[in-house]
Amino acid sequence: MRDIVGELKAHNTSLVAITPQIAEHSVGMREKNKLDFPILSDPGNGYASKLGLTFAFSDALKKVFDGFKVDLAKVNGEGSWTMPMPARLVVDRGGIVRAADIDPDYTKRPEPEKTLADVIALG
């Protein structure tokens, strides 16, 4: 997505990422990946939950994460063991979702060009 930030700006569009990670963990990711757009924190997945985009970890998945040495409670600043599904929403100035790509499989994400095409289609 970072590769189309300039093109989105040319179409008067802003890119914003939302994550359950606390800000201190997002800063490192932002710097490492040279991200030039805001990353907002959604503590406890409150916003994602309102959108119906969260899932709770099963005990088996918790063990997998433990094996990767990922302390989800520390990274997210709370211990709910919930995560948002990967989602990409194109929202117009009136707050209406005009395009959405949502898939519980985090490996299936729309290409950035799809996002740009959805924005351009709004006119």
PDB file of N, CA and C in Angstrom:
ATOM      1  N   MET A   1       0.824  -1.187   0.000  1.00  0.00           N
ATOM      2  CA  MET A   1       0.000   0.000   0.000  1.00  0.00           C
ATOM      3  C   MET A   1       0.871   1.256   0.000  1.00  0.00           C
ATOM      4  N   ARG A   2       2.025   1.171   0.629  1.00  0.00           N
ATOM      5  CA  ARG A   2       2.845   2.379   0.707  1.00  0.00           C
ATOM      6  C   ARG A   2       3.249   2.892  -0.663  1.00  0.00           C
ATOM      7  N   ASP A   3       3.253   1.998  -1.665  1.00  0.00           N
ATOM      8  CA  ASP A   3       3.668   2.399  -3.004  1.00  0.00           C
ATOM      9  C   ASP A   3       2.627   3.238  -3.731  1.00  0.00           C
ATOM     10  N   ILE A   4       1.385   3.256  -3.244  1.00  0.00           N
ATOM     11  CA  ILE A   4       0.362   4.042  -3.928  1.00  0.00           C
ATOM     12  C   ILE A   4      -0.069   5.268  -3.129  1.00  0.00           C
ATOM     13  N   VAL A   5       0.609   5.578  -2.036  1.00  0.00           N
ATOM     14  CA  VAL A   5       0.232   6.723  -1.203  1.00  0.00           C
ATOM     15  C   VAL A   5       0.222   8.007  -2.033  1.00  0.00           C
ATOM     16  N   GLY A   6       1.243   8.205  -2.850  1.00  0.00           N
ATOM     17  CA  GLY A   6       1.309   9.413  -3.677  1.00  0.00           C
ATOM     18  C   GLY A   6       0.157   9.507  -4.660  1.00  0.00           C
ATOM     19  N   GLU A   7      -0.175   8.384  -5.275  1.00  0.00           N
ATOM     20  CA  GLU A   7      -1.294   8.372  -6.225  1.00  0.00           C
ATOM     21  C   GLU A   7      -2.621   8.613  -5.514  1.00  0.00           C
ATOM     22  N   LEU A   8      -2.761   8.068  -4.323  1.00  0.00           N
ATOM     23  CA  LEU A   8      -3.981   8.316  -3.555  1.00  0.00           C
ATOM     24  C   LEU A   8      -4.099   9.799  -3.217  1.00  0.00           C
ATOM     25  N   LYS A   9      -3.000  10.400  -2.796  1.00  0.00           N
ATOM     26  CA  LYS A   9      -3.012  11.836  -2.487  1.00  0.00           C
ATOM     27  C   LYS A   9      -3.398  12.652  -3.707  1.00  0.00           C
ATOM     28  N   ALA A  10      -2.938  12.236  -4.889  1.00  0.00           N
ATOM     29  CA  ALA A  10      -3.278  12.936  -6.132  1.00  0.00           C
ATOM     30  C   ALA A  10      -4.784  12.879  -6.402  1.00  0.00           C
ATOM     31  N   HIS A  11      -5.454  11.910  -5.815  1.00  0.00           N
ATOM     32  CA  HIS A  11      -6.910  11.777  -5.950  1.00  0.00           C
ATOM     33  C   HIS A  11      -7.626  12.258  -4.689  1.00  0.00           C
ATOM     34  N   ASN A  12      -6.947  13.103  -3.925  1.00  0.00           N
ATOM     35  CA  ASN A  12      -7.523  13.683  -2.705  1.00  0.00           C
ATOM     36  C   ASN A  12      -7.979  12.635  -1.710  1.00  0.00           C
ATOM     37  N   THR A  13      -7.194  11.569  -1.588  1.00  0.00           N
ATOM     38  CA  THR A  13      -7.551  10.443  -0.731  1.00  0.00           C
ATOM     39  C   THR A  13      -6.441  10.180   0.279  1.00  0.00           C
ATOM     40  N   SER A  14      -6.837   9.856   1.479  1.00  0.00           N
ATOM     41  CA  SER A  14      -5.876   9.530   2.528  1.00  0.00           C
ATOM     42  C   SER A  14      -5.906   8.044   2.821  1.00  0.00           C
ATOM     43  N   LEU A  15      -4.748   7.493   3.098  1.00  0.00           N
ATOM     44  CA  LEU A  15      -4.627   6.105   3.535  1.00  0.00           C
ATOM     45  C   LEU A  15      -4.356   6.114   5.030  1.00  0.00           C
ATOM     46  N   VAL A  16      -5.107   5.314   5.763  1.00  0.00           N
ATOM     47  CA  VAL A  16      -4.942   5.199   7.208  1.00  0.00           C
ATOM     48  C   VAL A  16      -4.999   3.718   7.563  1.00  0.00           C
ATOM     49  N   ALA A  17      -4.065   3.264   8.381  1.00  0.00           N
ATOM     50  CA  ALA A  17      -4.093   1.888   8.875  1.00  0.00           C
ATOM     51  C   ALA A  17      -4.600   1.908  10.316  1.00  0.00           C
ATOM     52  N   ILE A  18      -5.330   0.872  10.674  1.00  0.00           N
ATOM     53  CA  ILE A  18      -5.827   0.737  12.047  1.00  0.00           C
ATOM     54  C   ILE A  18      -5.385  -0.621  12.562  1.00  0.00           C
ATOM     55  N   THR A  19      -4.787  -0.629  13.747  1.00  0.00           N
ATOM     56  CA  THR A  19      -4.245  -1.855  14.332  1.00  0.00           C
ATOM     57  C   THR A  19      -4.562  -1.915  15.820  1.00  0.00           C
ATOM     58  N   PRO A  20      -4.696  -3.118  16.364  1.00  0.00           N
ATOM     59  CA  PRO A  20      -4.873  -3.217  17.811  1.00  0.00           C
ATOM     60  C   PRO A  20      -3.569  -2.998  18.578  1.00  0.00           C
ATOM     61  N   GLN A  21      -2.441  -2.955  17.862  1.00  0.00           N
ATOM     62  CA  GLN A  21      -1.151  -2.765  18.531  1.00  0.00           C
ATOM     63  C   GLN A  21      -1.103  -1.400  19.214  1.00  0.00           C
ATOM     64  N   ILE A  22      -0.454  -1.369  20.358  1.00  0.00           N
ATOM     65  CA  ILE A  22      -0.265  -0.084  21.013  1.00  0.00           C
ATOM     66  C   ILE A  22       0.762   0.713  20.199  1.00  0.00           C
ATOM     67  N   ALA A  23       0.696   2.016  20.323  1.00  0.00           N
ATOM     68  CA  ALA A  23       1.486   2.917  19.476  1.00  0.00           C
ATOM     69  C   ALA A  23       2.980   2.601  19.486  1.00  0.00           C
ATOM     70  N   GLU A  24       3.542   2.268  20.637  1.00  0.00           N
ATOM     71  CA  GLU A  24       4.986   2.031  20.695  1.00  0.00           C
ATOM     72  C   GLU A  24       5.418   0.870  19.810  1.00  0.00           C
ATOM     73  N   HIS A  25       4.537  -0.098  19.580  1.00  0.00           N
ATOM     74  CA  HIS A  25       4.878  -1.226  18.711  1.00  0.00           C
ATOM     75  C   HIS A  25       4.673  -0.875  17.238  1.00  0.00           C
ATOM     76  N   SER A  26       3.747   0.025  16.957  1.00  0.00           N
ATOM     77  CA  SER A  26       3.505   0.442  15.580  1.00  0.00           C
ATOM     78  C   SER A  26       4.624   1.335  15.055  1.00  0.00           C
ATOM     79  N   VAL A  27       5.251   2.090  15.931  1.00  0.00           N
ATOM     80  CA  VAL A  27       6.325   2.998  15.512  1.00  0.00           C
ATOM     81  C   VAL A  27       7.455   2.219  14.845  1.00  0.00           C
ATOM     82  N   GLY A  28       7.862   1.127  15.451  1.00  0.00           N
ATOM     83  CA  GLY A  28       8.938   0.323  14.885  1.00  0.00           C
ATOM     84  C   GLY A  28       8.566  -0.241  13.529  1.00  0.00           C
ATOM     85  N   MET A  29       7.339  -0.712  13.398  1.00  0.00           N
ATOM     86  CA  MET A  29       6.870  -1.248  12.120  1.00  0.00           C
ATOM     87  C   MET A  29       6.826  -0.140  11.072  1.00  0.00           C
ATOM     88  N   ARG A  30       6.379   1.024  11.488  1.00  0.00           N
ATOM     89  CA  ARG A  30       6.284   2.169  10.558  1.00  0.00           C
ATOM     90  C   ARG A  30       7.669   2.560  10.050  1.00  0.00           C
ATOM     91  N   GLU A  31       8.635   2.625  10.944  1.00  0.00           N
ATOM     92  CA  GLU A  31       9.997   3.000  10.551  1.00  0.00           C
ATOM     93  C   GLU A  31      10.638   1.907   9.700  1.00  0.00           C
ATOM     94  N   LYS A  32      10.520   0.663  10.114  1.00  0.00           N
ATOM     95  CA  LYS A  32      11.126  -0.455   9.399  1.00  0.00           C
ATOM     96  C   LYS A  32      10.620  -0.555   7.963  1.00  0.00           C
ATOM     97  N   ASN A  33       9.302  -0.339   7.785  1.00  0.00           N
ATOM     98  CA  ASN A  33       8.694  -0.479   6.461  1.00  0.00           C
ATOM     99  C   ASN A  33       8.553   0.850   5.708  1.00  0.00           C
ATOM    100  N   LYS A  34       9.083   1.922   6.310  1.00  0.00           N
ATOM    101  CA  LYS A  34       9.049   3.259   5.688  1.00  0.00           C
ATOM    102  C   LYS A  34       7.632   3.644   5.266  1.00  0.00           C
ATOM    103  N   LEU A  35       6.730   3.551   6.213  1.00  0.00           N
ATOM    104  CA  LEU A  35       5.327   3.855   5.945  1.00  0.00           C
ATOM    105  C   LEU A  35       5.073   5.346   6.118  1.00  0.00           C
ATOM    106  N   ASP A  36       4.471   5.941   5.117  1.00  0.00           N
ATOM    107  CA  ASP A  36       4.235   7.379   5.108  1.00  0.00           C
ATOM    108  C   ASP A  36       2.739   7.686   5.215  1.00  0.00           C
ATOM    109  N   PHE A  37       2.085   7.004   6.140  1.00  0.00           N
ATOM    110  CA  PHE A  37       0.673   7.257   6.387  1.00  0.00           C
ATOM    111  C   PHE A  37       0.405   6.949   7.853  1.00  0.00           C
ATOM    112  N   PRO A  38      -0.668   7.522   8.392  1.00  0.00           N
ATOM    113  CA  PRO A  38      -0.965   7.309   9.817  1.00  0.00           C
ATOM    114  C   PRO A  38      -1.321   5.864  10.128  1.00  0.00           C
ATOM    115  N   ILE A  39      -0.873   5.420  11.290  1.00  0.00           N
ATOM    116  CA  ILE A  39      -1.267   4.121  11.834  1.00  0.00           C
ATOM    117  C   ILE A  39      -1.954   4.410  13.164  1.00  0.00           C
ATOM    118  N   LEU A  40      -3.240   4.152  13.206  1.00  0.00           N
ATOM    119  CA  LEU A  40      -4.029   4.429  14.400  1.00  0.00           C
ATOM    120  C   LEU A  40      -4.151   3.176  15.251  1.00  0.00           C
ATOM    121  N   SER A  41      -4.186   3.365  16.555  1.00  0.00           N
ATOM    122  CA  SER A  41      -4.328   2.255  17.486  1.00  0.00           C
ATOM    123  C   SER A  41      -5.795   2.078  17.854  1.00  0.00           C
ATOM    124  N   ASP A  42      -6.248   0.828  17.812  1.00  0.00           N
ATOM    125  CA  ASP A  42      -7.616   0.470  18.177  1.00  0.00           C
ATOM    126  C   ASP A  42      -7.549  -0.424  19.411  1.00  0.00           C
ATOM    127  N   PRO A  43      -7.406   0.188  20.589  1.00  0.00           N
ATOM    128  CA  PRO A  43      -7.239  -0.597  21.818  1.00  0.00           C
ATOM    129  C   PRO A  43      -8.370  -1.600  22.023  1.00  0.00           C
ATOM    130  N   GLY A  44      -7.976  -2.843  22.285  1.00  0.00           N
ATOM    131  CA  GLY A  44      -8.948  -3.890  22.543  1.00  0.00           C
ATOM    132  C   GLY A  44      -9.826  -4.214  21.346  1.00  0.00           C
ATOM    133  N   ASN A  45      -9.423  -3.754  20.156  1.00  0.00           N
ATOM    134  CA  ASN A  45     -10.207  -3.975  18.933  1.00  0.00           C
ATOM    135  C   ASN A  45     -11.621  -3.416  19.049  1.00  0.00           C
ATOM    136  N   GLY A  46     -11.765  -2.328  19.790  1.00  0.00           N
ATOM    137  CA  GLY A  46     -13.096  -1.744  19.979  1.00  0.00           C
ATOM    138  C   GLY A  46     -13.782  -1.369  18.678  1.00  0.00           C
ATOM    139  N   TYR A  47     -13.064  -0.663  17.799  1.00  0.00           N
ATOM    140  CA  TYR A  47     -13.652  -0.239  16.519  1.00  0.00           C
ATOM    141  C   TYR A  47     -13.871  -1.446  15.614  1.00  0.00           C
ATOM    142  N   ALA A  48     -12.872  -2.307  15.516  1.00  0.00           N
ATOM    143  CA  ALA A  48     -13.002  -3.505  14.675  1.00  0.00           C
ATOM    144  C   ALA A  48     -14.176  -4.364  15.144  1.00  0.00           C
ATOM    145  N   SER A  49     -14.378  -4.443  16.437  1.00  0.00           N
ATOM    146  CA  SER A  49     -15.511  -5.219  16.971  1.00  0.00           C
ATOM    147  C   SER A  49     -16.838  -4.616  16.540  1.00  0.00           C
ATOM    148  N   LYS A  50     -16.927  -3.283  16.567  1.00  0.00           N
ATOM    149  CA  LYS A  50     -18.164  -2.620  16.126  1.00  0.00           C
ATOM    150  C   LYS A  50     -18.460  -2.917  14.670  1.00  0.00           C
ATOM    151  N   LEU A  51     -17.410  -3.120  13.875  1.00  0.00           N
ATOM    152  CA  LEU A  51     -17.588  -3.439  12.459  1.00  0.00           C
ATOM    153  C   LEU A  51     -17.799  -4.931  12.221  1.00  0.00           C
ATOM    154  N   GLY A  52     -17.708  -5.738  13.285  1.00  0.00           N
ATOM    155  CA  GLY A  52     -17.878  -7.180  13.155  1.00  0.00           C
ATOM    156  C   GLY A  52     -16.679  -7.865  12.516  1.00  0.00           C
ATOM    157  N   LEU A  53     -15.494  -7.293  12.714  1.00  0.00           N
ATOM    158  CA  LEU A  53     -14.297  -7.794  12.039  1.00  0.00           C
ATOM    159  C   LEU A  53     -13.295  -8.492  12.951  1.00  0.00           C
ATOM    160  N   THR A  54     -13.696  -8.889  14.137  1.00  0.00           N
ATOM    161  CA  THR A  54     -12.738  -9.521  15.042  1.00  0.00           C
ATOM    162  C   THR A  54     -13.004 -11.011  15.178  1.00  0.00           C
ATOM    163  N   PHE A  55     -11.959 -11.707  15.579  1.00  0.00           N
ATOM    164  CA  PHE A  55     -12.094 -13.124  15.903  1.00  0.00           C
ATOM    165  C   PHE A  55     -11.274 -13.403  17.145  1.00  0.00           C
ATOM    166  N   ALA A  56     -11.716 -14.386  17.907  1.00  0.00           N
ATOM    167  CA  ALA A  56     -11.001 -14.787  19.121  1.00  0.00           C
ATOM    168  C   ALA A  56     -10.085 -15.959  18.786  1.00  0.00           C
ATOM    169  N   PHE A  57      -8.927 -15.979  19.392  1.00  0.00           N
ATOM    170  CA  PHE A  57      -7.973 -17.062  19.188  1.00  0.00           C
ATOM    171  C   PHE A  57      -8.457 -18.328  19.875  1.00  0.00           C
ATOM    172  N   SER A  58      -8.333 -19.438  19.189  1.00  0.00           N
ATOM    173  CA  SER A  58      -8.600 -20.738  19.813  1.00  0.00           C
ATOM    174  C   SER A  58      -7.390 -21.086  20.679  1.00  0.00           C
ATOM    175  N   ASP A  59      -7.535 -22.068  21.543  1.00  0.00           N
ATOM    176  CA  ASP A  59      -6.403 -22.500  22.364  1.00  0.00           C
ATOM    177  C   ASP A  59      -5.251 -22.996  21.485  1.00  0.00           C
ATOM    178  N   ALA A  60      -5.582 -23.675  20.390  1.00  0.00           N
ATOM    179  CA  ALA A  60      -4.543 -24.183  19.473  1.00  0.00           C
ATOM    180  C   ALA A  60      -3.779 -23.034  18.833  1.00  0.00           C
ATOM    181  N   LEU A  61      -4.484 -21.979  18.430  1.00  0.00           N
ATOM    182  CA  LEU A  61      -3.812 -20.831  17.809  1.00  0.00           C
ATOM    183  C   LEU A  61      -2.968 -20.069  18.824  1.00  0.00           C
ATOM    184  N   LYS A  62      -3.431 -20.016  20.063  1.00  0.00           N
ATOM    185  CA  LYS A  62      -2.630 -19.386  21.120  1.00  0.00           C
ATOM    186  C   LYS A  62      -1.290 -20.105  21.263  1.00  0.00           C
ATOM    187  N   LYS A  63      -1.310 -21.439  21.194  1.00  0.00           N
ATOM    188  CA  LYS A  63      -0.075 -22.213  21.302  1.00  0.00           C
ATOM    189  C   LYS A  63       0.860 -21.932  20.134  1.00  0.00           C
ATOM    190  N   VAL A  64       0.301 -21.763  18.945  1.00  0.00           N
ATOM    191  CA  VAL A  64       1.117 -21.423  17.769  1.00  0.00           C
ATOM    192  C   VAL A  64       1.815 -20.086  18.004  1.00  0.00           C
ATOM    193  N   PHE A  65       1.074 -19.088  18.461  1.00  0.00           N
ATOM    194  CA  PHE A  65       1.656 -17.771  18.713  1.00  0.00           C
ATOM    195  C   PHE A  65       2.713 -17.846  19.807  1.00  0.00           C
ATOM    196  N   ASP A  66       2.441 -18.635  20.830  1.00  0.00           N
ATOM    197  CA  ASP A  66       3.436 -18.815  21.892  1.00  0.00           C
ATOM    198  C   ASP A  66       4.726 -19.395  21.313  1.00  0.00           C
ATOM    199  N   GLY A  67       4.591 -20.317  20.354  1.00  0.00           N
ATOM    200  CA  GLY A  67       5.758 -20.919  19.704  1.00  0.00           C
ATOM    201  C   GLY A  67       6.571 -19.922  18.913  1.00  0.00           C
ATOM    202  N   PHE A  68       5.920 -18.878  18.408  1.00  0.00           N
ATOM    203  CA  PHE A  68       6.619 -17.823  17.664  1.00  0.00           C
ATOM    204  C   PHE A  68       7.188 -16.758  18.605  1.00  0.00           C
ATOM    205  N   LYS A  69       6.967 -16.951  19.892  1.00  0.00           N
ATOM    206  CA  LYS A  69       7.418 -15.989  20.903  1.00  0.00           C
ATOM    207  C   LYS A  69       6.770 -14.614  20.706  1.00  0.00           C
ATOM    208  N   VAL A  70       5.511 -14.623  20.289  1.00  0.00           N
ATOM    209  CA  VAL A  70       4.756 -13.383  20.130  1.00  0.00           C
ATOM    210  C   VAL A  70       3.902 -13.196  21.375  1.00  0.00           C
ATOM    211  N   ASP A  71       4.175 -12.134  22.111  1.00  0.00           N
ATOM    212  CA  ASP A  71       3.396 -11.822  23.305  1.00  0.00           C
ATOM    213  C   ASP A  71       2.288 -10.863  22.901  1.00  0.00           C
ATOM    214  N   LEU A  72       1.179 -11.418  22.444  1.00  0.00           N
ATOM    215  CA  LEU A  72       0.081 -10.622  21.914  1.00  0.00           C
ATOM    216  C   LEU A  72      -0.463  -9.635  22.945  1.00  0.00           C
ATOM    217  N   ALA A  73      -0.531 -10.061  24.190  1.00  0.00           N
ATOM    218  CA  ALA A  73      -1.023  -9.170  25.243  1.00  0.00           C
ATOM    219  C   ALA A  73      -0.118  -7.945  25.382  1.00  0.00           C
ATOM    220  N   LYS A  74       1.176  -8.130  25.266  1.00  0.00           N
ATOM    221  CA  LYS A  74       2.118  -7.008  25.369  1.00  0.00           C
ATOM    222  C   LYS A  74       2.023  -6.104  24.141  1.00  0.00           C
ATOM    223  N   VAL A  75       1.999  -6.708  22.963  1.00  0.00           N
ATOM    224  CA  VAL A  75       1.947  -5.931  21.720  1.00  0.00           C
ATOM    225  C   VAL A  75       0.654  -5.127  21.627  1.00  0.00           C
ATOM    226  N   ASN A  76      -0.457  -5.749  22.037  1.00  0.00           N
ATOM    227  CA  ASN A  76      -1.749  -5.077  21.937  1.00  0.00           C
ATOM    228  C   ASN A  76      -2.146  -4.330  23.211  1.00  0.00           C
ATOM    229  N   GLY A  77      -1.385  -4.492  24.269  1.00  0.00           N
ATOM    230  CA  GLY A  77      -1.662  -3.760  25.488  1.00  0.00           C
ATOM    231  C   GLY A  77      -2.861  -4.266  26.268  1.00  0.00           C
ATOM    232  N   GLU A  78      -3.312  -5.466  25.957  1.00  0.00           N
ATOM    233  CA  GLU A  78      -4.430  -6.067  26.692  1.00  0.00           C
ATOM    234  C   GLU A  78      -4.460  -7.556  26.380  1.00  0.00           C
ATOM    235  N   GLY A  79      -5.167  -8.320  27.177  1.00  0.00           N
ATOM    236  CA  GLY A  79      -5.076  -9.775  27.066  1.00  0.00           C
ATOM    237  C   GLY A  79      -6.290 -10.485  26.513  1.00  0.00           C
ATOM    238  N   SER A  80      -7.028  -9.876  25.609  1.00  0.00           N
ATOM    239  CA  SER A  80      -8.268 -10.503  25.128  1.00  0.00           C
ATOM    240  C   SER A  80      -8.046 -11.640  24.134  1.00  0.00           C
ATOM    241  N   TRP A  81      -6.865 -11.704  23.535  1.00  0.00           N
ATOM    242  CA  TRP A  81      -6.591 -12.705  22.507  1.00  0.00           C
ATOM    243  C   TRP A  81      -7.611 -12.614  21.376  1.00  0.00           C
ATOM    244  N   THR A  82      -7.870 -11.405  20.939  1.00  0.00           N
ATOM    245  CA  THR A  82      -8.690 -11.176  19.752  1.00  0.00           C
ATOM    246  C   THR A  82      -7.853 -10.396  18.741  1.00  0.00           C
ATOM    247  N   MET A  83      -8.191 -10.582  17.476  1.00  0.00           N
ATOM    248  CA  MET A  83      -7.507  -9.861  16.396  1.00  0.00           C
ATOM    249  C   MET A  83      -8.553  -9.448  15.363  1.00  0.00           C
ATOM    250  N   PRO A  84      -8.255  -8.387  14.631  1.00  0.00           N
ATOM    251  CA  PRO A  84      -9.162  -8.016  13.546  1.00  0.00           C
ATOM    252  C   PRO A  84      -8.857  -8.839  12.291  1.00  0.00           C
ATOM    253  N   MET A  85      -9.885  -9.094  11.512  1.00  0.00           N
ATOM    254  CA  MET A  85      -9.659  -9.704  10.205  1.00  0.00           C
ATOM    255  C   MET A  85      -9.038  -8.640   9.302  1.00  0.00           C
ATOM    256  N   PRO A  86      -8.163  -9.047   8.413  1.00  0.00           N
ATOM    257  CA  PRO A  86      -7.636  -8.069   7.459  1.00  0.00           C
ATOM    258  C   PRO A  86      -8.786  -7.496   6.631  1.00  0.00           C
ATOM    259  N   ALA A  87      -8.853  -6.192   6.577  1.00  0.00           N
ATOM    260  CA  ALA A  87      -9.916  -5.527   5.832  1.00  0.00           C
ATOM    261  C   ALA A  87      -9.377  -4.263   5.192  1.00  0.00           C
ATOM    262  N   ARG A  88      -9.894  -3.967   4.040  1.00  0.00           N
ATOM    263  CA  ARG A  88      -9.560  -2.724   3.346  1.00  0.00           C
ATOM    264  C   ARG A  88     -10.879  -2.093   2.958  1.00  0.00           C
ATOM    265  N   LEU A  89     -11.126  -0.891   3.469  1.00  0.00           N
ATOM    266  CA  LEU A  89     -12.371  -0.183   3.207  1.00  0.00           C
ATOM    267  C   LEU A  89     -12.068   1.121   2.475  1.00  0.00           C
ATOM    268  N   VAL A  90     -12.849   1.420   1.466  1.00  0.00           N
ATOM    269  CA  VAL A  90     -12.790   2.726   0.798  1.00  0.00           C
ATOM    270  C   VAL A  90     -14.041   3.459   1.256  1.00  0.00           C
ATOM    271  N   VAL A  91     -13.814   4.563   1.963  1.00  0.00           N
ATOM    272  CA  VAL A  91     -14.901   5.308   2.586  1.00  0.00           C
ATOM    273  C   VAL A  91     -14.954   6.698   1.951  1.00  0.00           C
ATOM    274  N   ASP A  92     -16.156   7.132   1.548  1.00  0.00           N
ATOM    275  CA  ASP A  92     -16.262   8.453   0.935  1.00  0.00           C
ATOM    276  C   ASP A  92     -16.290   9.542   2.007  1.00  0.00           C
ATOM    277  N   ARG A  93     -16.316  10.771   1.576  1.00  0.00           N
ATOM    278  CA  ARG A  93     -16.270  11.904   2.514  1.00  0.00           C
ATOM    279  C   ARG A  93     -17.473  11.949   3.456  1.00  0.00           C
ATOM    280  N   GLY A  94     -18.569  11.315   3.065  1.00  0.00           N
ATOM    281  CA  GLY A  94     -19.757  11.272   3.910  1.00  0.00           C
ATOM    282  C   GLY A  94     -19.741  10.127   4.905  1.00  0.00           C
ATOM    283  N   GLY A  95     -18.640   9.342   4.910  1.00  0.00           N
ATOM    284  CA  GLY A  95     -18.514   8.226   5.846  1.00  0.00           C
ATOM    285  C   GLY A  95     -19.168   6.940   5.370  1.00  0.00           C
ATOM    286  N   ILE A  96     -19.539   6.886   4.095  1.00  0.00           N
ATOM    287  CA  ILE A  96     -20.183   5.694   3.541  1.00  0.00           C
ATOM    288  C   ILE A  96     -19.130   4.794   2.913  1.00  0.00           C
ATOM    289  N   VAL A  97     -19.156   3.509   3.291  1.00  0.00           N
ATOM    290  CA  VAL A  97     -18.222   2.534   2.718  1.00  0.00           C
ATOM    291  C   VAL A  97     -18.655   2.270   1.279  1.00  0.00           C
ATOM    292  N   ARG A  98     -17.754   2.550   0.348  1.00  0.00           N
ATOM    293  CA  ARG A  98     -18.047   2.379  -1.079  1.00  0.00           C
ATOM    294  C   ARG A  98     -17.412   1.119  -1.667  1.00  0.00           C
ATOM    295  N   ALA A  99     -16.399   0.590  -1.008  1.00  0.00           N
ATOM    296  CA  ALA A  99     -15.760  -0.654  -1.450  1.00  0.00           C
ATOM    297  C   ALA A  99     -15.144  -1.308  -0.228  1.00  0.00           C
ATOM    298  N   ALA A 100     -15.190  -2.630  -0.200  1.00  0.00           N
ATOM    299  CA  ALA A 100     -14.621  -3.364   0.933  1.00  0.00           C
ATOM    300  C   ALA A 100     -14.040  -4.685   0.457  1.00  0.00           C
ATOM    301  N   ASP A 101     -12.885  -5.002   0.982  1.00  0.00           N
ATOM    302  CA  ASP A 101     -12.258  -6.302   0.771  1.00  0.00           C
ATOM    303  C   ASP A 101     -11.931  -6.834   2.151  1.00  0.00           C
ATOM    304  N   ILE A 102     -12.595  -7.913   2.545  1.00  0.00           N
ATOM    305  CA  ILE A 102     -12.436  -8.492   3.873  1.00  0.00           C
ATOM    306  C   ILE A 102     -12.285  -9.993   3.709  1.00  0.00           C
ATOM    307  N   ASP A 103     -11.264 -10.553   4.343  1.00  0.00           N
ATOM    308  CA  ASP A 103     -11.063 -11.992   4.256  1.00  0.00           C
ATOM    309  C   ASP A 103     -10.399 -12.450   5.543  1.00  0.00           C
ATOM    310  N   PRO A 104     -10.967 -13.443   6.216  1.00  0.00           N
ATOM    311  CA  PRO A 104     -10.339 -13.917   7.452  1.00  0.00           C
ATOM    312  C   PRO A 104      -8.962 -14.531   7.231  1.00  0.00           C
ATOM    313  N   ASP A 105      -8.643 -14.882   5.990  1.00  0.00           N
ATOM    314  CA  ASP A 105      -7.319 -15.420   5.661  1.00  0.00           C
ATOM    315  C   ASP A 105      -6.379 -14.252   5.405  1.00  0.00           C
ATOM    316  N   TYR A 106      -5.474 -13.994   6.351  1.00  0.00           N
ATOM    317  CA  TYR A 106      -4.599 -12.827   6.256  1.00  0.00           C
ATOM    318  C   TYR A 106      -3.675 -12.868   5.034  1.00  0.00           C
ATOM    319  N   THR A 107      -3.544 -14.013   4.378  1.00  0.00           N
ATOM    320  CA  THR A 107      -2.681 -14.094   3.197  1.00  0.00           C
ATOM    321  C   THR A 107      -3.392 -13.612   1.936  1.00  0.00           C
ATOM    322  N   LYS A 108      -4.698 -13.415   2.018  1.00  0.00           N
ATOM    323  CA  LYS A 108      -5.468 -12.962   0.859  1.00  0.00           C
ATOM    324  C   LYS A 108      -5.822 -11.497   1.033  1.00  0.00           C
ATOM    325  N   ARG A 109      -5.073 -10.657   0.366  1.00  0.00           N
ATOM    326  CA  ARG A 109      -5.297  -9.221   0.458  1.00  0.00           C
ATOM    327  C   ARG A 109      -5.374  -8.642  -0.946  1.00  0.00           C
ATOM    328  N   PRO A 110      -6.162  -7.600  -1.106  1.00  0.00           N
ATOM    329  CA  PRO A 110      -6.255  -7.006  -2.437  1.00  0.00           C
ATOM    330  C   PRO A 110      -4.940  -6.326  -2.818  1.00  0.00           C
ATOM    331  N   GLU A 111      -4.662  -6.335  -4.096  1.00  0.00           N
ATOM    332  CA  GLU A 111      -3.482  -5.628  -4.583  1.00  0.00           C
ATOM    333  C   GLU A 111      -3.709  -4.128  -4.406  1.00  0.00           C
ATOM    334  N   PRO A 112      -2.652  -3.384  -4.148  1.00  0.00           N
ATOM    335  CA  PRO A 112      -2.807  -1.930  -4.007  1.00  0.00           C
ATOM    336  C   PRO A 112      -3.504  -1.292  -5.216  1.00  0.00           C
ATOM    337  N   GLU A 113      -3.263  -1.831  -6.401  1.00  0.00           N
ATOM    338  CA  GLU A 113      -3.888  -1.281  -7.600  1.00  0.00           C
ATOM    339  C   GLU A 113      -5.408  -1.396  -7.538  1.00  0.00           C
ATOM    340  N   LYS A 114      -5.915  -2.423  -6.861  1.00  0.00           N
ATOM    341  CA  LYS A 114      -7.371  -2.572  -6.685  1.00  0.00           C
ATOM    342  C   LYS A 114      -7.907  -1.438  -5.830  1.00  0.00           C
ATOM    343  N   THR A 115      -7.182  -1.105  -4.784  1.00  0.00           N
ATOM    344  CA  THR A 115      -7.586   0.005  -3.926  1.00  0.00           C
ATOM    345  C   THR A 115      -7.605   1.302  -4.724  1.00  0.00           C
ATOM    346  N   LEU A 116      -6.564   1.541  -5.481  1.00  0.00           N
ATOM    347  CA  LEU A 116      -6.485   2.745  -6.294  1.00  0.00           C
ATOM    348  C   LEU A 116      -7.639   2.774  -7.308  1.00  0.00           C
ATOM    349  N   ALA A 117      -7.933   1.657  -7.942  1.00  0.00           N
ATOM    350  CA  ALA A 117      -9.031   1.589  -8.903  1.00  0.00           C
ATOM    351  C   ALA A 117     -10.371   1.884  -8.221  1.00  0.00           C
ATOM    352  N   ASP A 118     -10.556   1.384  -6.998  1.00  0.00           N
ATOM    353  CA  ASP A 118     -11.791   1.656  -6.266  1.00  0.00           C
ATOM    354  C   ASP A 118     -11.927   3.149  -5.957  1.00  0.00           C
ATOM    355  N   VAL A 119     -10.830   3.784  -5.616  1.00  0.00           N
ATOM    356  CA  VAL A 119     -10.833   5.220  -5.334  1.00  0.00           C
ATOM    357  C   VAL A 119     -11.154   6.001  -6.606  1.00  0.00           C
ATOM    358  N   ILE A 120     -10.494   5.652  -7.695  1.00  0.00           N
ATOM    359  CA  ILE A 120     -10.728   6.352  -8.961  1.00  0.00           C
ATOM    360  C   ILE A 120     -12.173   6.181  -9.415  1.00  0.00           C
ATOM    361  N   ALA A 121     -12.742   5.008  -9.171  1.00  0.00           N
ATOM    362  CA  ALA A 121     -14.136   4.752  -9.567  1.00  0.00           C
ATOM    363  C   ALA A 121     -15.124   5.663  -8.851  1.00  0.00           C
ATOM    364  N   LEU A 122     -14.743   6.185  -7.702  1.00  0.00           N
ATOM    365  CA  LEU A 122     -15.620   7.098  -6.966  1.00  0.00           C
ATOM    366  C   LEU A 122     -15.746   8.437  -7.677  1.00  0.00           C
ATOM    367  N   GLY A 123     -14.749   8.720  -8.547  1.00  0.00           N
ATOM    368  CA  GLY A 123     -14.793   9.971  -9.328  1.00  0.00           C
ATOM    369  C   GLY A 123     -14.350  11.095  -8.521  1.00  0.00           C
TER     370      GLY A 123
END
